[in-house]
Amino acid sequence: MEGEIKAEFEKNGFILDNEEEILNKCLTFCINYKLNPSDLVSSWDVYSLNRKLKDLVVQNVEMEGFLSHLQNEQKEAVVKQEADLHFYSSKDVDMILNDDEENFKDAILSTPPGKNAKPYSDPFDSALYSNGNGYSSEKPSRLVTPFGRRTDKFVARFNFNNLPDTENGDEKDAGMDSEDDVIKRVKPLKRFSLVVNGDGPEPGCRFMYDRIEDRFNALDNRIRRRAASLFSSGIYEEPSDPSVASGRSIFAVGMICCEEEGRLNDKSIMLQSSIEHSGGQRVRLDLQKVNQFSVFPGQIVGVEGNNPSGYCLIASKLVDSVPLSANNVEDLHPAKRPALDQDIQLVDSSSPEKEISVLIASGPFTTTDNLYFEPLSELLAYARKKQPQLLILLGPFVDSEHPEVKKGTADRSFDEIFHIEIIRRVQDYVEHMGSNARVILVPSTRDANHDFVFPQPAFDIHPPELKHQIKSLPNPGIFEANQVIFYPLYPPAEDVPLDFSLSPKALHIASPPPDILILPSDMKYFIKVLTLGGTTEGEEQRKCICINPGRLAKGEGGGTFAELDYGGSPDRMNASIWSI
């Protein structure tokens, strides 16, 4: 039968990672749940879609989750046949042992909700709680979701530790609160400065009014700025027209383009120069003589080479970065930069400069099988324990890709879900942590309750009495926390409407480069330190920390988030990726 299971997986395009162990477990699943190989693989297909597993490799680490999925399928099948059947759980045993007869009878009379049951059936349901301003969809106490059944809670997936005295990276401290943690009072957080760059679009702005001419000019300005920066460095000569036939070596600056629709390859690379230097014409770019390179469509590069035919620029050198000394982009003095609010610039003179503790999480903040926002609740509980100075939450918050949002089955508006499920929970967190706690929200182009445009304006939120503690930034946006420069960025997909007329400066990283670059993505989480500059003799090097915290929720299970204790430089920091 193992051979039949293997053949069925291969028939459906799946590859087994640890073949012997996986087949042994799958055989056990088939025997225990009376499945044939075809049914088993079909169930795996559904499980992988729910978990949003990107590749077709069946990994052994997913077997435990797959077993839970099979158990749920079996349970749902029984529920359909026996509608009045009650599943006993450990809570039922606790009720009996504690003589809680009334609650036990209620539990017997109630039936588990079906797969299509709405999470918000009644605004005055017992599952909803009130804090004086409205109601929220707290998960029913008797309902155990796949997220609630997960076993690997708060496990460090990646550590980057240079500060051994801090708690970050210590797995023993990562679990939920112990009894002592519950009893102790929250320690007052250190005050810190918080300043935001005001180049992003304003909430309520009009968008999608840009013309083709505006888009072309915006791209041309990018090429011209890069050309001017490279020339001002004194290392490279003034850019020439790369489309003119010439036997001598020239230096040109342009944007990488693909000759046709599809993937970029070594035969389809084109270089589009500026209006000033070539009238915006494109020329084929041959990189065979360049030892090592990495290019992508839209990248602005400098090229040294020659064009003997007038049809193809043969490159001998590719320049993909600007010397830091040449970056003469306007850099406002901190005093001139627009701040979030005067009251939010709280500076503690005893606090060391450029030190900050941060938690970073990117949505979705709820699993695909419900809108209970359990991962967000657990993240905030973790934050209450670790007490970071700053909590950064990046969208999507009300994910347009969520099944219930896509189908329109949620019985509340997207704005209601956002304000009740997100803002109210964040308000509770801030009130618990004290007046020095800060939370920053950054929208996503996947947010169903927000403008579908890039760059995006900030959320228009004004929590009463907490407006200086809970703030929203545009997407993308730059801010400083204790003089540490952050750049949260959510690159848009191809189908996202890019509006160049909204805020051209918002799409440009000014000099100097940020200390920390946050790049949330569906790709695997990472924390990397990039070294910038130093390409020429005597040039100063700068380091930038790039962080992809991953997604807080993945399918029906938990995802990951990042924790950072920054001590002034990448050489003095602790950074970790945790599973929720």
Protein backbone atom coordinates (compact mmCIF):
# COMPACT_ATOMS: atom_id res chain seq x y z
CA MET A 1 0.00 0.00 0.00
CA GLU A 2 2.94 2.33 0.58
CA GLY A 3 3.77 1.99 -3.10
CA GLU A 4 0.22 2.97 -4.03
CA ILE A 5 0.39 6.03 -1.75
CA LYS A 6 3.71 7.08 -3.30
CA ALA A 7 2.35 6.61 -6.81
CA GLU A 8 -0.76 8.68 -5.99
CA PHE A 9 1.37 11.55 -4.64
CA GLU A 10 3.57 11.49 -7.76
CA LYS A 11 0.49 11.31 -9.99
CA ASN A 12 -0.71 14.60 -8.47
CA GLY A 13 2.68 16.26 -8.86
CA PHE A 14 3.84 16.03 -5.21
CA ILE A 15 7.38 15.16 -4.15
CA LEU A 16 8.07 13.37 -0.83
CA ASP A 17 10.80 15.03 1.25
CA ASN A 18 11.59 12.23 3.73
CA GLU A 19 10.04 9.42 1.73
CA GLU A 20 10.32 6.46 4.08
CA GLU A 21 9.08 8.26 7.20
CA ILE A 22 6.27 10.10 5.38
CA LEU A 23 5.00 6.93 3.69
CA ASN A 24 5.04 5.10 7.03
CA LYS A 25 2.90 7.83 8.64
CA CYS A 26 0.57 8.05 5.66
CA LEU A 27 0.05 4.29 5.78
CA THR A 28 -0.94 4.63 9.44
CA PHE A 29 -3.38 7.42 8.54
CA CYS A 30 -4.99 5.24 5.85
CA ILE A 31 -5.41 2.32 8.25
CA ASN A 32 -6.71 4.37 11.19
CA TYR A 33 -9.17 6.46 9.18
CA LYS A 34 -10.07 3.85 6.55
CA LEU A 35 -8.80 5.93 3.62
CA ASN A 36 -7.56 4.76 0.25
CA PRO A 37 -4.46 6.42 -1.26
CA SER A 38 -6.58 8.62 -3.55
CA ASP A 39 -8.63 10.00 -0.62
CA LEU A 40 -5.46 10.59 1.40
CA VAL A 41 -3.76 12.60 -1.35
CA SER A 42 -6.95 14.58 -1.98
CA SER A 43 -7.03 15.48 1.72
CA TRP A 44 -3.36 16.51 1.52
CA ASP A 45 -4.17 18.73 -1.44
CA VAL A 46 -6.88 20.52 0.57
CA TYR A 47 -4.56 20.81 3.59
CA SER A 48 -1.71 22.31 1.53
CA LEU A 49 -4.10 24.87 0.02
CA ASN A 50 -5.41 25.84 3.48
CA ARG A 51 -1.87 26.18 4.78
CA LYS A 52 -0.84 28.08 1.61
CA LEU A 53 2.16 25.82 1.10
CA LYS A 54 3.95 27.30 -1.90
CA ASP A 55 5.81 24.28 -3.28
CA LEU A 56 4.73 20.74 -4.09
CA VAL A 57 7.11 19.09 -1.62
CA VAL A 58 5.43 17.00 1.09
CA GLN A 59 7.51 17.67 4.22
CA ASN A 60 7.65 15.55 7.34
CA VAL A 61 7.21 18.62 9.60
CA GLU A 62 3.68 19.05 8.18
CA MET A 63 2.53 15.55 9.13
CA GLU A 64 1.30 16.56 12.58
CA GLY A 65 -0.81 19.36 11.13
CA PHE A 66 -2.04 17.01 8.39
CA LEU A 67 -3.13 14.53 11.07
CA SER A 68 -5.18 17.26 12.76
CA HIS A 69 -6.73 18.06 9.38
CA LEU A 70 -7.72 14.42 8.85
CA GLN A 71 -9.22 14.26 12.35
CA ASN A 72 -11.29 17.38 11.61
CA GLU A 73 -12.56 15.85 8.37
CA GLN A 74 -13.59 12.70 10.19
CA LYS A 75 -15.30 14.73 12.93
CA GLU A 76 -17.19 16.88 10.40
CA ALA A 77 -18.36 13.76 8.57
CA VAL A 78 -19.75 12.33 11.81
CA VAL A 79 -21.43 15.63 12.73
CA LYS A 80 -23.25 15.69 9.38
CA GLN A 81 -24.60 12.20 10.02
CA GLU A 82 -25.43 12.72 13.71
CA ALA A 83 -26.50 16.32 14.13
CA ASP A 84 -27.23 15.96 17.89
CA LEU A 85 -23.99 14.16 18.72
CA HIS A 86 -21.82 15.82 21.39
CA PHE A 87 -18.04 15.44 21.46
CA TYR A 88 -16.70 15.22 24.99
CA SER A 89 -13.57 17.18 25.76
CA SER A 90 -11.29 17.89 28.70
CA LYS A 91 -13.51 20.87 29.56
CA ASP A 92 -16.48 18.51 30.03
CA VAL A 93 -14.40 16.47 32.47
CA ASP A 94 -13.44 19.65 34.34
CA MET A 95 -17.12 20.60 34.62
CA ILE A 96 -18.01 17.22 36.07
CA LEU A 97 -15.12 17.24 38.54
CA ASN A 98 -16.01 20.78 39.64
CA ASP A 99 -19.72 19.90 39.99
CA ASP A 100 -20.56 22.55 37.41
CA GLU A 101 -23.70 20.68 36.43
CA GLU A 102 -25.52 23.63 34.85
CA ASN A 103 -22.70 24.49 32.44
CA PHE A 104 -22.22 20.80 31.69
CA LYS A 105 -25.86 20.47 30.64
CA ASP A 106 -25.50 23.54 28.42
CA ALA A 107 -22.45 21.98 26.82
CA ILE A 108 -24.34 18.73 26.15
CA LEU A 109 -27.29 20.54 24.62
CA SER A 110 -25.10 22.67 22.36
CA THR A 111 -23.67 21.24 19.18
CA PRO A 112 -20.35 22.17 17.60
CA PRO A 113 -20.74 24.86 14.94
CA GLY A 114 -20.71 23.67 11.38
CA LYS A 115 -18.00 24.62 8.93
CA ASN A 116 -20.17 27.33 7.37
CA ALA A 117 -21.43 28.78 10.66
CA LYS A 118 -21.11 32.55 10.79
CA PRO A 119 -18.76 33.90 13.49
CA TYR A 120 -21.04 36.91 14.11
CA SER A 121 -24.50 35.41 14.38
CA ASP A 122 -25.98 37.84 16.90
CA PRO A 123 -24.72 41.23 18.10
CA PHE A 124 -25.74 40.30 21.64
CA ASP A 125 -24.47 36.71 21.56
CA SER A 126 -22.72 35.43 24.70
CA ALA A 127 -19.53 35.12 22.68
CA LEU A 128 -19.36 38.89 22.33
CA TYR A 129 -17.91 41.14 24.97
CA SER A 130 -18.38 44.83 25.51
CA ASN A 131 -15.94 47.48 26.72
CA GLY A 132 -18.46 50.30 26.68
CA ASN A 133 -18.08 51.30 23.03
CA GLY A 134 -19.30 48.25 21.15
CA TYR A 135 -18.87 44.53 20.76
CA SER A 136 -16.16 42.21 19.49
CA SER A 137 -16.18 38.64 18.23
CA GLU A 138 -14.34 36.77 20.92
CA LYS A 139 -13.98 33.06 20.13
CA PRO A 140 -16.65 30.94 21.85
CA SER A 141 -15.07 29.26 24.88
CA ARG A 142 -16.12 25.75 23.83
CA LEU A 143 -14.84 26.07 20.27
CA VAL A 144 -11.33 24.77 19.63
CA THR A 145 -9.98 25.98 16.31
CA PRO A 146 -7.05 24.46 14.36
CA PHE A 147 -5.00 27.46 15.51
CA GLY A 148 -5.84 26.66 19.12
CA ARG A 149 -4.71 23.04 18.64
CA ARG A 150 -1.23 23.94 17.41
CA THR A 151 1.65 22.49 19.43
CA ASP A 152 4.68 24.62 18.49
CA LYS A 153 3.87 27.85 20.33
CA PHE A 154 6.40 30.69 20.51
CA VAL A 155 9.37 28.76 19.18
CA ALA A 156 12.41 30.71 17.95
CA ARG A 157 12.83 30.00 14.24
CA PHE A 158 15.86 32.24 13.77
CA ASN A 159 18.22 34.11 16.11
CA PHE A 160 20.71 36.88 15.43
CA ASN A 161 22.21 37.66 18.84
CA ASN A 162 24.94 40.15 19.68
CA LEU A 163 23.54 41.34 23.04
CA PRO A 164 23.82 38.36 25.43
CA ASP A 165 22.41 40.28 28.40
CA THR A 166 18.98 40.82 26.85
CA GLU A 167 16.11 38.34 27.02
CA ASN A 168 15.55 38.30 23.29
CA GLY A 169 16.40 34.94 21.86
CA ASP A 170 15.91 33.06 25.13
CA GLU A 171 13.38 30.34 24.34
CA LYS A 172 12.68 29.68 28.02
CA ASP A 173 11.22 33.16 28.35
CA ALA A 174 9.11 32.97 25.25
CA GLY A 175 6.10 31.05 26.51
CA MET A 176 2.93 32.51 27.90
CA ASP A 177 2.85 34.22 31.27
CA SER A 178 3.73 32.25 34.37
CA GLU A 179 1.90 32.87 37.64
CA ASP A 180 4.55 35.39 38.73
CA ASP A 181 4.22 37.26 35.43
CA VAL A 182 0.48 37.61 35.94
CA ILE A 183 0.84 38.90 39.48
CA LYS A 184 3.61 41.43 38.85
CA ARG A 185 2.77 44.93 37.69
CA VAL A 186 3.75 46.20 34.27
CA LYS A 187 7.06 48.04 34.47
CA PRO A 188 6.94 51.62 33.17
CA LEU A 189 8.39 51.77 29.67
CA LYS A 190 11.20 54.17 28.85
CA ARG A 191 10.18 57.22 26.89
CA PHE A 192 11.61 57.59 23.42
CA SER A 193 11.46 59.99 20.51
CA LEU A 194 9.26 59.24 17.53
CA VAL A 195 9.38 61.33 14.36
CA VAL A 196 7.74 60.54 11.02
CA ASN A 197 8.58 61.70 7.52
CA GLY A 198 5.54 63.47 6.09
CA ASP A 199 6.06 62.74 2.40
CA GLY A 200 3.23 60.21 2.07
CA PRO A 201 -0.27 60.92 0.72
CA GLU A 202 -2.86 62.25 3.15
CA PRO A 203 -5.93 60.26 4.25
CA GLY A 204 -8.91 61.03 2.04
CA CYS A 205 -6.78 62.10 -0.92
CA ARG A 206 -8.01 61.63 -4.48
CA PHE A 207 -6.14 59.08 -6.53
CA MET A 208 -5.92 57.44 -9.97
CA TYR A 209 -5.92 60.84 -11.68
CA ASP A 210 -2.36 60.54 -12.98
CA ARG A 211 -1.81 60.70 -16.73
CA ILE A 212 0.48 58.58 -18.90
CA GLU A 213 2.69 61.66 -19.24
CA ASP A 214 2.97 61.86 -15.44
CA ARG A 215 4.03 58.24 -15.22
CA PHE A 216 6.63 58.64 -17.94
CA ASN A 217 8.05 61.77 -16.32
CA ALA A 218 8.27 60.05 -12.93
CA LEU A 219 10.31 57.19 -14.41
CA ASP A 220 12.49 59.58 -16.39
CA ASN A 221 13.19 61.62 -13.25
CA ARG A 222 14.42 58.49 -11.50
CA ILE A 223 16.92 57.85 -14.29
CA ARG A 224 18.09 61.47 -14.29
CA ARG A 225 18.56 61.51 -10.50
CA ARG A 226 20.66 58.35 -10.62
CA ALA A 227 22.73 59.71 -13.51
CA ALA A 228 23.37 62.97 -11.64
CA SER A 229 24.38 61.09 -8.46
CA LEU A 230 26.83 58.82 -10.29
CA PHE A 231 28.38 61.74 -12.17
CA SER A 232 28.69 63.88 -9.00
CA SER A 233 30.65 61.11 -7.28
CA GLY A 234 33.63 61.94 -9.52
CA ILE A 235 34.15 58.25 -10.25
CA TYR A 236 32.17 58.08 -13.50
CA GLU A 237 32.10 60.33 -16.55
CA GLU A 238 29.03 62.20 -17.73
CA PRO A 239 26.48 59.73 -19.15
CA SER A 240 26.26 59.35 -22.94
CA ASP A 241 23.61 58.12 -25.36
CA PRO A 242 23.88 54.29 -25.35
CA SER A 243 21.93 53.95 -28.62
CA VAL A 244 24.55 55.74 -30.76
CA ALA A 245 27.10 53.55 -32.56
CA SER A 246 30.59 54.10 -31.20
CA GLY A 247 33.79 52.10 -30.97
CA ARG A 248 35.01 53.89 -27.85
CA SER A 249 34.03 52.99 -24.32
CA ILE A 250 31.16 55.05 -22.91
CA PHE A 251 29.25 55.35 -19.65
CA ALA A 252 25.44 55.24 -19.75
CA VAL A 253 22.67 55.24 -17.16
CA GLY A 254 19.26 53.75 -17.72
CA MET A 255 16.44 51.50 -16.54
CA ILE A 256 16.44 47.73 -17.04
CA CYS A 257 13.50 46.63 -19.21
CA CYS A 258 12.29 43.38 -20.72
CA GLU A 259 12.02 43.27 -24.50
CA GLU A 260 8.71 41.42 -24.40
CA GLU A 261 6.13 40.30 -21.87
CA GLY A 262 7.40 37.50 -19.68
CA ARG A 263 10.43 36.68 -17.57
CA LEU A 264 13.69 38.57 -17.91
CA ASN A 265 16.55 36.54 -19.36
CA ASP A 266 20.00 37.28 -20.76
CA LYS A 267 18.59 37.60 -24.30
CA SER A 268 15.74 39.98 -23.48
CA ILE A 269 17.49 42.66 -21.39
CA MET A 270 17.00 46.21 -22.67
CA LEU A 271 18.35 49.51 -21.32
CA GLN A 272 16.13 52.60 -21.49
CA SER A 273 18.03 55.87 -21.05
CA SER A 274 16.60 59.28 -20.16
CA ILE A 275 14.98 61.83 -22.46
CA GLU A 276 17.96 64.09 -21.89
CA HIS A 277 20.56 61.60 -23.09
CA SER A 278 18.81 59.42 -25.67
CA GLY A 279 15.26 60.68 -26.13
CA GLY A 280 14.05 57.77 -24.00
CA GLN A 281 15.13 55.14 -26.54
CA ARG A 282 15.90 51.56 -25.63
CA VAL A 283 18.89 49.50 -26.69
CA ARG A 284 19.69 45.83 -26.19
CA LEU A 285 22.10 45.18 -23.31
CA ASP A 286 24.67 42.38 -23.55
CA LEU A 287 26.06 41.35 -20.13
CA GLN A 288 28.12 38.32 -21.18
CA LYS A 289 31.41 40.07 -20.37
CA VAL A 290 30.26 40.98 -16.85
CA ASN A 291 31.50 38.39 -14.36
CA GLN A 292 28.62 38.65 -11.91
CA PHE A 293 25.38 40.58 -11.95
CA SER A 294 21.78 40.59 -10.73
CA VAL A 295 19.16 42.72 -12.47
CA PHE A 296 15.38 43.11 -12.42
CA PRO A 297 12.88 45.12 -14.49
CA GLY A 298 12.69 48.73 -13.32
CA GLN A 299 16.20 48.74 -11.81
CA ILE A 300 18.28 51.86 -12.54
CA VAL A 301 21.90 50.99 -13.38
CA GLY A 302 25.06 52.50 -14.77
CA VAL A 303 26.83 50.67 -17.60
CA GLU A 304 30.35 50.95 -18.93
CA GLY A 305 30.79 49.47 -22.40
CA ASN A 306 30.63 50.15 -26.10
CA ASN A 307 28.06 49.93 -28.90
CA PRO A 308 29.86 49.25 -32.20
CA SER A 309 26.68 48.49 -34.17
CA GLY A 310 24.24 50.98 -32.65
CA TYR A 311 21.84 48.12 -31.79
CA CYS A 312 23.52 46.45 -28.79
CA LEU A 313 25.43 47.91 -25.85
CA ILE A 314 28.14 45.43 -24.83
CA ALA A 315 28.74 45.98 -21.12
CA SER A 316 32.13 45.59 -19.48
CA LYS A 317 30.97 46.82 -16.07
CA LEU A 318 27.59 47.14 -14.35
CA VAL A 319 27.08 49.74 -11.60
CA ASP A 320 24.01 48.88 -9.52
CA SER A 321 24.57 51.21 -6.55
CA VAL A 322 25.55 54.80 -5.88
CA PRO A 323 28.54 55.63 -3.67
CA LEU A 324 27.19 56.93 -0.35
CA SER A 325 29.34 60.04 -0.67
CA ALA A 326 27.46 60.94 -3.86
CA ASN A 327 23.98 60.83 -2.35
CA ASN A 328 23.09 64.51 -2.33
CA VAL A 329 19.35 63.96 -2.01
CA GLU A 330 17.72 66.49 0.31
CA ASP A 331 18.10 65.40 3.91
CA LEU A 332 15.98 67.51 6.21
CA HIS A 333 17.29 68.48 9.61
CA PRO A 334 15.36 66.58 12.32
CA ALA A 335 13.92 69.83 13.59
CA LYS A 336 12.41 70.54 10.17
CA ARG A 337 10.88 67.13 9.68
CA PRO A 338 7.14 66.97 10.21
CA ALA A 339 6.41 64.99 13.35
CA LEU A 340 3.45 62.77 14.14
CA ASP A 341 2.53 65.15 16.94
CA GLN A 342 4.45 67.39 19.29
CA ASP A 343 3.25 65.37 22.28
CA ILE A 344 4.60 62.13 20.83
CA GLN A 345 8.20 63.36 20.78
CA LEU A 346 8.85 62.19 24.31
CA VAL A 347 12.59 62.03 24.93
CA ASP A 348 14.18 60.61 28.05
CA SER A 349 17.60 62.22 28.44
CA SER A 350 18.85 59.25 30.46
CA SER A 351 18.00 56.84 27.63
CA PRO A 352 20.98 55.93 25.39
CA GLU A 353 20.70 57.21 21.86
CA LYS A 354 19.72 54.88 19.03
CA GLU A 355 18.47 52.09 21.30
CA ILE A 356 15.00 50.66 20.85
CA SER A 357 13.07 47.43 21.49
CA VAL A 358 10.52 46.50 18.83
CA LEU A 359 8.03 43.78 17.92
CA ILE A 360 7.20 43.60 14.20
CA ALA A 361 4.28 41.61 12.76
CA SER A 362 2.66 41.53 9.35
CA GLY A 363 -0.89 40.41 8.57
CA PRO A 364 -3.07 38.55 8.00
CA PHE A 365 -3.90 38.67 11.71
CA THR A 366 -6.56 35.96 11.60
CA THR A 367 -6.66 32.46 10.16
CA THR A 368 -8.55 31.60 6.98
CA ASP A 369 -11.19 29.48 8.74
CA ASN A 370 -12.64 32.31 10.88
CA LEU A 371 -12.53 35.99 11.81
CA TYR A 372 -11.68 35.53 15.49
CA PHE A 373 -8.23 37.20 15.16
CA GLU A 374 -6.66 34.67 17.53
CA PRO A 375 -3.08 35.22 16.25
CA LEU A 376 -3.39 38.96 16.97
CA SER A 377 -4.67 38.28 20.48
CA GLU A 378 -1.74 35.95 21.19
CA LEU A 379 0.74 38.47 19.76
CA LEU A 380 -0.59 41.20 22.03
CA ALA A 381 -0.43 38.84 25.02
CA TYR A 382 3.22 38.15 24.15
CA ALA A 383 3.87 41.90 23.83
CA ARG A 384 2.34 42.51 27.28
CA LYS A 385 4.87 40.07 28.69
CA LYS A 386 7.97 41.27 26.81
CA GLN A 387 7.02 44.98 27.01
CA PRO A 388 8.65 46.38 23.84
CA GLN A 389 8.87 50.14 23.49
CA LEU A 390 7.36 49.98 20.02
CA LEU A 391 4.92 47.60 18.33
CA ILE A 392 4.79 47.77 14.51
CA LEU A 393 1.80 46.12 12.83
CA LEU A 394 1.75 45.95 9.03
CA GLY A 395 -1.32 45.00 7.02
CA PRO A 396 -3.35 43.38 5.74
CA PHE A 397 -5.64 43.79 8.75
CA VAL A 398 -8.94 43.01 6.99
CA ASP A 399 -7.46 40.80 4.29
CA SER A 400 -9.22 40.96 0.93
CA GLU A 401 -7.91 37.42 0.28
CA HIS A 402 -9.70 35.98 3.34
CA PRO A 403 -12.41 33.50 2.25
CA GLU A 404 -15.18 35.21 4.25
CA VAL A 405 -14.19 38.63 2.93
CA LYS A 406 -14.01 37.34 -0.63
CA LYS A 407 -17.40 35.66 -0.42
CA GLY A 408 -19.01 38.53 1.48
CA THR A 409 -20.29 36.22 4.23
CA ALA A 410 -19.17 38.44 7.14
CA ASP A 411 -22.23 40.17 8.59
CA ARG A 412 -20.40 43.40 9.41
CA SER A 413 -18.75 46.01 7.24
CA PHE A 414 -14.99 45.96 6.70
CA ASP A 415 -14.63 49.21 8.65
CA GLU A 416 -16.51 47.71 11.60
CA ILE A 417 -14.28 44.64 11.60
CA PHE A 418 -11.18 46.84 11.46
CA HIS A 419 -12.18 49.18 14.27
CA ILE A 420 -13.67 46.54 16.56
CA GLU A 421 -11.25 43.66 15.98
CA ILE A 422 -8.01 45.60 15.41
CA ILE A 423 -8.18 49.10 16.85
CA ARG A 424 -10.04 48.08 20.00
CA ARG A 425 -7.60 45.27 20.79
CA VAL A 426 -4.68 47.64 20.23
CA GLN A 427 -6.34 50.21 22.48
CA ASP A 428 -6.66 47.62 25.26
CA TYR A 429 -2.98 46.77 24.84
CA VAL A 430 -1.86 50.41 25.04
CA GLU A 431 -4.04 51.12 28.08
CA HIS A 432 -2.52 48.08 29.80
CA MET A 433 1.08 49.03 28.95
CA GLY A 434 0.92 52.65 30.04
CA SER A 435 1.39 56.10 28.52
CA ASN A 436 4.83 55.42 27.00
CA ALA A 437 3.76 52.45 24.86
CA ARG A 438 3.61 53.16 21.12
CA VAL A 439 1.91 51.26 18.28
CA ILE A 440 2.36 52.01 14.58
CA LEU A 441 -0.06 50.66 11.96
CA VAL A 442 0.90 50.53 8.28
CA PRO A 443 -1.80 49.63 5.70
CA SER A 444 -1.47 47.09 2.91
CA THR A 445 -2.83 47.06 -0.60
CA ARG A 446 -4.68 43.90 0.47
CA ASP A 447 -6.72 45.76 3.11
CA ALA A 448 -10.38 45.54 2.10
CA ASN A 449 -11.26 48.55 4.25
CA HIS A 450 -8.68 50.91 2.75
CA ASP A 451 -7.77 52.68 -0.49
CA PHE A 452 -6.57 50.29 -3.18
CA VAL A 453 -3.66 52.37 -4.46
CA PHE A 454 0.09 52.60 -4.07
CA PRO A 455 1.52 54.61 -2.38
CA GLN A 456 -1.24 54.36 0.23
CA PRO A 457 -2.33 57.05 2.67
CA ALA A 458 -2.31 56.24 6.36
CA PHE A 459 -5.42 54.93 8.12
CA ASP A 460 -7.65 57.75 9.28
CA ILE A 461 -7.79 56.70 12.93
CA HIS A 462 -8.07 58.95 15.99
CA PRO A 463 -8.52 56.80 19.10
CA PRO A 464 -9.84 59.03 21.90
CA GLU A 465 -7.20 59.90 24.52
CA LEU A 466 -4.71 57.58 22.78
CA LYS A 467 -4.03 59.49 19.57
CA HIS A 468 -0.41 60.08 20.61
CA GLN A 469 0.18 56.37 21.27
CA ILE A 470 -1.53 54.71 18.30
CA LYS A 471 -0.51 56.12 14.93
CA SER A 472 -0.77 55.06 11.30
CA LEU A 473 1.87 55.63 8.64
CA PRO A 474 1.44 55.74 4.87
CA ASN A 475 2.58 52.75 2.84
CA PRO A 476 5.49 53.04 2.28
CA GLY A 477 6.68 55.37 5.01
CA ILE A 478 9.77 56.41 6.96
CA PHE A 479 9.95 57.17 10.66
CA GLU A 480 12.55 57.50 13.39
CA ALA A 481 12.40 55.93 16.84
CA ASN A 482 15.20 57.10 19.16
CA GLN A 483 17.03 58.30 16.02
CA VAL A 484 16.81 54.81 14.50
CA ILE A 485 15.42 55.19 10.97
CA PHE A 486 12.81 52.61 9.92
CA TYR A 487 11.43 52.16 6.44
CA PRO A 488 8.38 49.85 6.41
CA LEU A 489 7.76 48.94 2.79
CA TYR A 490 5.13 46.76 1.17
CA PRO A 491 6.06 46.38 -2.54
CA PRO A 492 2.96 46.29 -4.72
CA ALA A 493 2.10 43.40 -6.99
CA GLU A 494 1.71 43.86 -10.72
CA ASP A 495 -2.06 44.32 -10.45
CA VAL A 496 -1.85 47.09 -7.83
CA PRO A 497 -2.69 50.53 -9.27
CA LEU A 498 0.49 52.58 -8.90
CA ASP A 499 -0.27 56.30 -8.79
CA PHE A 500 2.82 58.46 -9.39
CA SER A 501 0.89 61.69 -8.87
CA LEU A 502 0.14 61.01 -5.20
CA SER A 503 3.56 61.32 -3.65
CA PRO A 504 6.68 60.70 -5.76
CA LYS A 505 8.95 61.25 -2.74
CA ALA A 506 7.24 58.42 -0.87
CA LEU A 507 8.68 55.96 -3.41
CA HIS A 508 12.24 57.19 -2.98
CA ILE A 509 14.57 56.19 -0.14
CA ALA A 510 16.53 59.32 0.72
CA SER A 511 20.12 59.49 1.87
CA PRO A 512 21.41 58.19 4.19
CA PRO A 513 19.83 54.75 3.81
CA PRO A 514 17.62 53.56 6.71
CA ASP A 515 19.03 51.65 9.66
CA ILE A 516 16.20 49.12 9.37
CA LEU A 517 14.26 48.10 6.26
CA ILE A 518 11.07 46.11 6.87
CA LEU A 519 9.90 44.06 3.88
CA PRO A 520 6.87 41.89 4.74
CA SER A 521 6.41 39.14 2.20
CA ASP A 522 4.83 35.74 1.53
CA MET A 523 8.38 34.46 1.12
CA LYS A 524 10.16 32.77 4.03
CA TYR A 525 11.03 35.05 6.93
CA PHE A 526 14.56 36.44 7.15
CA ILE A 527 16.81 38.89 9.00
CA LYS A 528 19.86 40.02 7.04
CA VAL A 529 22.46 42.74 7.47
CA LEU A 530 23.43 44.44 4.23
CA THR A 531 26.66 46.39 3.84
CA LEU A 532 26.30 49.47 1.67
CA GLY A 533 29.12 51.51 0.21
CA GLY A 534 32.82 50.75 0.39
CA THR A 535 32.95 50.07 -3.34
CA THR A 536 35.61 52.75 -3.82
CA GLU A 537 38.76 53.45 -1.86
CA GLY A 538 38.17 55.51 1.26
CA GLU A 539 34.38 55.32 1.02
CA GLU A 540 32.51 54.89 4.29
CA GLN A 541 30.43 51.75 4.74
CA ARG A 542 26.93 51.71 6.21
CA LYS A 543 24.93 48.74 7.34
CA CYS A 544 21.19 48.22 6.95
CA ILE A 545 19.13 45.54 8.70
CA CYS A 546 16.56 43.96 6.37
CA ILE A 547 13.68 42.15 8.09
CA ASN A 548 10.88 40.03 6.66
CA PRO A 549 8.82 39.01 9.70
CA GLY A 550 6.73 36.60 7.64
CA ARG A 551 2.94 36.42 8.05
CA LEU A 552 1.40 36.22 11.51
CA ALA A 553 -1.26 33.80 10.23
CA LYS A 554 -0.82 31.21 7.50
CA GLY A 555 -3.91 29.35 6.36
CA GLU A 556 -5.57 27.80 9.40
CA GLY A 557 -2.36 27.87 11.44
CA GLY A 558 0.02 30.33 13.01
CA GLY A 559 2.84 32.12 11.27
CA THR A 560 5.79 34.20 12.47
CA PHE A 561 6.77 37.64 13.75
CA ALA A 562 10.04 39.45 14.49
CA GLU A 563 11.50 40.76 17.74
CA LEU A 564 14.35 43.26 17.75
CA ASP A 565 16.50 44.78 20.49
CA TYR A 566 18.59 47.39 18.70
CA GLY A 567 21.63 48.63 20.63
CA GLY A 568 22.81 51.37 18.27
CA SER A 569 24.16 49.36 15.33
CA PRO A 570 23.74 45.97 13.60
CA ASP A 571 26.81 44.83 15.55
CA ARG A 572 24.95 45.50 18.80
CA MET A 573 21.54 43.96 18.45
CA ASN A 574 19.46 40.90 19.13
CA ALA A 575 16.94 39.88 16.49
CA SER A 576 14.69 36.83 16.45
CA ILE A 577 11.94 35.31 14.35
CA TRP A 578 9.28 33.62 16.50
CA SER A 579 6.46 31.32 15.52
CA ILE A 580 3.17 32.50 17.05
